[in-house]
């Protein structure tokens, strides 16, 4: 398995899956018009490679902007992770948000109610 690294742009987040550290990060803005090209390759990689994962995976999500299309893709990623956890994989989610960003915080809260994953909401001081 190879790690993933997708560079951050003005409209798309950094996406990194470091298999040496077992940390999956999505960090930054996520509001591209072509969000499928951003997330679909990552989703394909996850479906192909995560079954081989042996150690706990920590997923760190930190969005500065998250549009509805991106939110749907993040939900899809979390559903995939939930499926792997149901098959015995250890997965932990950390949802970071700026402490004054109620929208991103509420998106994280909503996801905790929908997904059966260990989910920590982590405020970041400005």
C-alpha atoms as a PDB file:
ATOM      1  CA  UNK A   1       0.000   0.000   0.000  1.00  0.00           C
ATOM      2  CA  UNK A   2       1.180   3.469  -0.816  1.00  0.00           C
ATOM      3  CA  UNK A   3       0.355   6.623   1.109  1.00  0.00           C
ATOM      4  CA  UNK A   4      -1.816   9.367  -0.413  1.00  0.00           C
ATOM      5  CA  UNK A   5      -0.988  13.050  -0.647  1.00  0.00           C
ATOM      6  CA  UNK A   6      -3.186  15.624  -2.404  1.00  0.00           C
ATOM      7  CA  UNK A   7      -1.926  19.191  -2.255  1.00  0.00           C
ATOM      8  CA  UNK A   8      -4.145  21.935  -0.797  1.00  0.00           C
ATOM      9  CA  UNK A   9      -5.429  24.665  -3.155  1.00  0.00           C
ATOM     10  CA  UNK A  10      -7.563  27.764  -2.601  1.00  0.00           C
ATOM     11  CA  UNK A  11     -10.713  25.646  -2.946  1.00  0.00           C
ATOM     12  CA  UNK A  12      -9.620  22.137  -2.003  1.00  0.00           C
ATOM     13  CA  UNK A  13      -8.148  20.647   1.165  1.00  0.00           C
ATOM     14  CA  UNK A  14      -4.891  18.901   1.783  1.00  0.00           C
ATOM     15  CA  UNK A  15      -5.640  15.187   1.802  1.00  0.00           C
ATOM     16  CA  UNK A  16      -3.023  12.916   3.304  1.00  0.00           C
ATOM     17  CA  UNK A  17      -3.006   9.299   4.350  1.00  0.00           C
ATOM     18  CA  UNK A  18       0.316   8.516   5.975  1.00  0.00           C
ATOM     19  CA  UNK A  19       0.562   4.764   6.375  1.00  0.00           C
ATOM     20  CA  UNK A  20       3.713   4.953   8.495  1.00  0.00           C
ATOM     21  CA  UNK A  21       1.858   7.009  11.132  1.00  0.00           C
ATOM     22  CA  UNK A  22      -1.650   5.669  10.323  1.00  0.00           C
ATOM     23  CA  UNK A  23      -3.051   9.189  10.126  1.00  0.00           C
ATOM     24  CA  UNK A  24      -5.616  10.222   7.527  1.00  0.00           C
ATOM     25  CA  UNK A  25      -5.967  14.015   7.276  1.00  0.00           C
ATOM     26  CA  UNK A  26      -8.294  16.258   5.352  1.00  0.00           C
ATOM     27  CA  UNK A  27      -7.489  19.858   6.185  1.00  0.00           C
ATOM     28  CA  UNK A  28      -8.448  23.214   4.702  1.00  0.00           C
ATOM     29  CA  UNK A  29     -11.200  24.616   2.498  1.00  0.00           C
ATOM     30  CA  UNK A  30     -13.477  22.298   0.568  1.00  0.00           C
ATOM     31  CA  UNK A  31     -15.702  24.121  -1.894  1.00  0.00           C
ATOM     32  CA  UNK A  32     -14.465  23.254  -5.382  1.00  0.00           C
ATOM     33  CA  UNK A  33     -16.994  23.172  -8.230  1.00  0.00           C
ATOM     34  CA  UNK A  34     -15.557  19.781  -9.229  1.00  0.00           C
ATOM     35  CA  UNK A  35     -15.506  18.072  -5.856  1.00  0.00           C
ATOM     36  CA  UNK A  36     -15.777  14.613  -7.444  1.00  0.00           C
ATOM     37  CA  UNK A  37     -12.255  14.917  -8.840  1.00  0.00           C
ATOM     38  CA  UNK A  38     -11.011  15.746  -5.346  1.00  0.00           C
ATOM     39  CA  UNK A  39     -12.642  12.993  -3.295  1.00  0.00           C
ATOM     40  CA  UNK A  40     -13.492  10.141  -5.680  1.00  0.00           C
ATOM     41  CA  UNK A  41      -9.865   9.000  -6.163  1.00  0.00           C
ATOM     42  CA  UNK A  42      -9.430   9.001  -2.373  1.00  0.00           C
ATOM     43  CA  UNK A  43     -12.625   6.994  -1.917  1.00  0.00           C
ATOM     44  CA  UNK A  44     -11.471   4.475  -4.539  1.00  0.00           C
ATOM     45  CA  UNK A  45      -8.094   4.175  -2.809  1.00  0.00           C
ATOM     46  CA  UNK A  46      -9.805   3.616   0.550  1.00  0.00           C
ATOM     47  CA  UNK A  47     -12.020   0.846  -0.818  1.00  0.00           C
ATOM     48  CA  UNK A  48      -9.027  -0.911  -2.382  1.00  0.00           C
ATOM     49  CA  UNK A  49      -6.449  -0.481   0.365  1.00  0.00           C
ATOM     50  CA  UNK A  50      -8.053  -0.056   3.782  1.00  0.00           C
ATOM     51  CA  UNK A  51      -8.965  -3.743   4.078  1.00  0.00           C
ATOM     52  CA  UNK A  52      -5.207  -4.364   4.377  1.00  0.00           C
ATOM     53  CA  UNK A  53      -4.791  -1.877   7.238  1.00  0.00           C
ATOM     54  CA  UNK A  54      -3.549  -3.616  10.369  1.00  0.00           C
ATOM     55  CA  UNK A  55      -3.149  -0.807  12.925  1.00  0.00           C
ATOM     56  CA  UNK A  56      -5.549   1.802  14.290  1.00  0.00           C
ATOM     57  CA  UNK A  57      -6.292   4.624  11.847  1.00  0.00           C
ATOM     58  CA  UNK A  58      -6.786   8.161  13.148  1.00  0.00           C
ATOM     59  CA  UNK A  59      -8.804  10.385  10.826  1.00  0.00           C
ATOM     60  CA  UNK A  60      -8.247  14.114  11.431  1.00  0.00           C
ATOM     61  CA  UNK A  61     -10.740  16.417   9.724  1.00  0.00           C
ATOM     62  CA  UNK A  62     -10.307  20.194   9.889  1.00  0.00           C
ATOM     63  CA  UNK A  63     -12.291  22.341   7.484  1.00  0.00           C
ATOM     64  CA  UNK A  64     -12.152  26.103   7.139  1.00  0.00           C
ATOM     65  CA  UNK A  65     -14.993  26.011   4.577  1.00  0.00           C
ATOM     66  CA  UNK A  66     -17.184  23.025   3.736  1.00  0.00           C
ATOM     67  CA  UNK A  67     -19.895  23.255   1.079  1.00  0.00           C
ATOM     68  CA  UNK A  68     -22.792  20.828   0.806  1.00  0.00           C
ATOM     69  CA  UNK A  69     -21.235  18.757  -2.013  1.00  0.00           C
ATOM     70  CA  UNK A  70     -18.058  18.318   0.046  1.00  0.00           C
ATOM     71  CA  UNK A  71     -20.104  17.477   3.122  1.00  0.00           C
ATOM     72  CA  UNK A  72     -21.743  14.627   1.194  1.00  0.00           C
ATOM     73  CA  UNK A  73     -18.324  13.262   0.193  1.00  0.00           C
ATOM     74  CA  UNK A  74     -17.052  13.481   3.773  1.00  0.00           C
ATOM     75  CA  UNK A  75     -20.166  11.610   4.890  1.00  0.00           C
ATOM     76  CA  UNK A  76     -19.415   8.966   2.242  1.00  0.00           C
ATOM     77  CA  UNK A  77     -15.829   8.640   3.526  1.00  0.00           C
ATOM     78  CA  UNK A  78     -17.092   8.251   7.094  1.00  0.00           C
ATOM     79  CA  UNK A  79     -19.557   5.564   6.000  1.00  0.00           C
ATOM     80  CA  UNK A  80     -16.651   3.665   4.405  1.00  0.00           C
ATOM     81  CA  UNK A  81     -14.616   4.014   7.613  1.00  0.00           C
ATOM     82  CA  UNK A  82     -17.623   2.879   9.642  1.00  0.00           C
ATOM     83  CA  UNK A  83     -17.897  -0.233   7.479  1.00  0.00           C
ATOM     84  CA  UNK A  84     -14.254  -1.060   8.083  1.00  0.00           C
ATOM     85  CA  UNK A  85     -14.704  -0.555  11.810  1.00  0.00           C
ATOM     86  CA  UNK A  86     -17.670  -2.940  11.719  1.00  0.00           C
ATOM     87  CA  UNK A  87     -15.281  -5.524  10.224  1.00  0.00           C
ATOM     88  CA  UNK A  88     -12.850  -5.189  13.123  1.00  0.00           C
ATOM     89  CA  UNK A  89     -10.602  -2.284  12.079  1.00  0.00           C
ATOM     90  CA  UNK A  90      -9.780   0.291  14.777  1.00  0.00           C
ATOM     91  CA  UNK A  91     -10.714   3.794  13.621  1.00  0.00           C
ATOM     92  CA  UNK A  92     -10.854   7.086  15.515  1.00  0.00           C
ATOM     93  CA  UNK A  93     -12.199  10.402  14.146  1.00  0.00           C
ATOM     94  CA  UNK A  94     -11.091  13.866  15.275  1.00  0.00           C
ATOM     95  CA  UNK A  95     -13.238  16.716  13.931  1.00  0.00           C
ATOM     96  CA  UNK A  96     -11.382  20.001  14.434  1.00  0.00           C
ATOM     97  CA  UNK A  97     -13.123  23.356  14.101  1.00  0.00           C
ATOM     98  CA  UNK A  98     -12.323  26.980  14.859  1.00  0.00           C
ATOM     99  CA  UNK A  99     -13.910  27.661  18.232  1.00  0.00           C
ATOM    100  CA  UNK A 100     -15.989  30.512  16.793  1.00  0.00           C
ATOM    101  CA  UNK A 101     -17.168  28.580  13.704  1.00  0.00           C
ATOM    102  CA  UNK A 102     -20.563  27.245  14.738  1.00  0.00           C
ATOM    103  CA  UNK A 103     -21.415  25.961  11.247  1.00  0.00           C
ATOM    104  CA  UNK A 104     -18.439  23.591  11.037  1.00  0.00           C
ATOM    105  CA  UNK A 105     -18.951  22.559  14.670  1.00  0.00           C
ATOM    106  CA  UNK A 106     -22.620  21.740  13.998  1.00  0.00           C
ATOM    107  CA  UNK A 107     -21.692  19.742  10.894  1.00  0.00           C
ATOM    108  CA  UNK A 108     -19.409  17.652  13.089  1.00  0.00           C
ATOM    109  CA  UNK A 109     -22.130  17.246  15.711  1.00  0.00           C
ATOM    110  CA  UNK A 110     -24.597  16.121  13.042  1.00  0.00           C
ATOM    111  CA  UNK A 111     -22.127  13.542  11.762  1.00  0.00           C
ATOM    112  CA  UNK A 112     -21.585  12.127  15.254  1.00  0.00           C
ATOM    113  CA  UNK A 113     -25.304  11.374  15.384  1.00  0.00           C
ATOM    114  CA  UNK A 114     -25.305   9.681  11.969  1.00  0.00           C
ATOM    115  CA  UNK A 115     -22.103   7.636  12.096  1.00  0.00           C
ATOM    116  CA  UNK A 116     -21.196   4.948  14.619  1.00  0.00           C
ATOM    117  CA  UNK A 117     -17.506   5.864  14.934  1.00  0.00           C
ATOM    118  CA  UNK A 118     -15.462   7.088  17.911  1.00  0.00           C
ATOM    119  CA  UNK A 119     -15.772  10.813  17.182  1.00  0.00           C
ATOM    120  CA  UNK A 120     -14.050  13.659  19.056  1.00  0.00           C
ATOM    121  CA  UNK A 121     -15.064  17.271  18.423  1.00  0.00           C
ATOM    122  CA  UNK A 122     -11.978  19.409  19.031  1.00  0.00           C
ATOM    123  CA  UNK A 123     -12.238  23.222  19.174  1.00  0.00           C
ATOM    124  CA  UNK A 124      -9.199  25.178  17.998  1.00  0.00           C
ATOM    125  CA  UNK A 125      -8.535  28.569  19.607  1.00  0.00           C
ATOM    126  CA  UNK A 126      -8.007  31.420  17.170  1.00  0.00           C
END
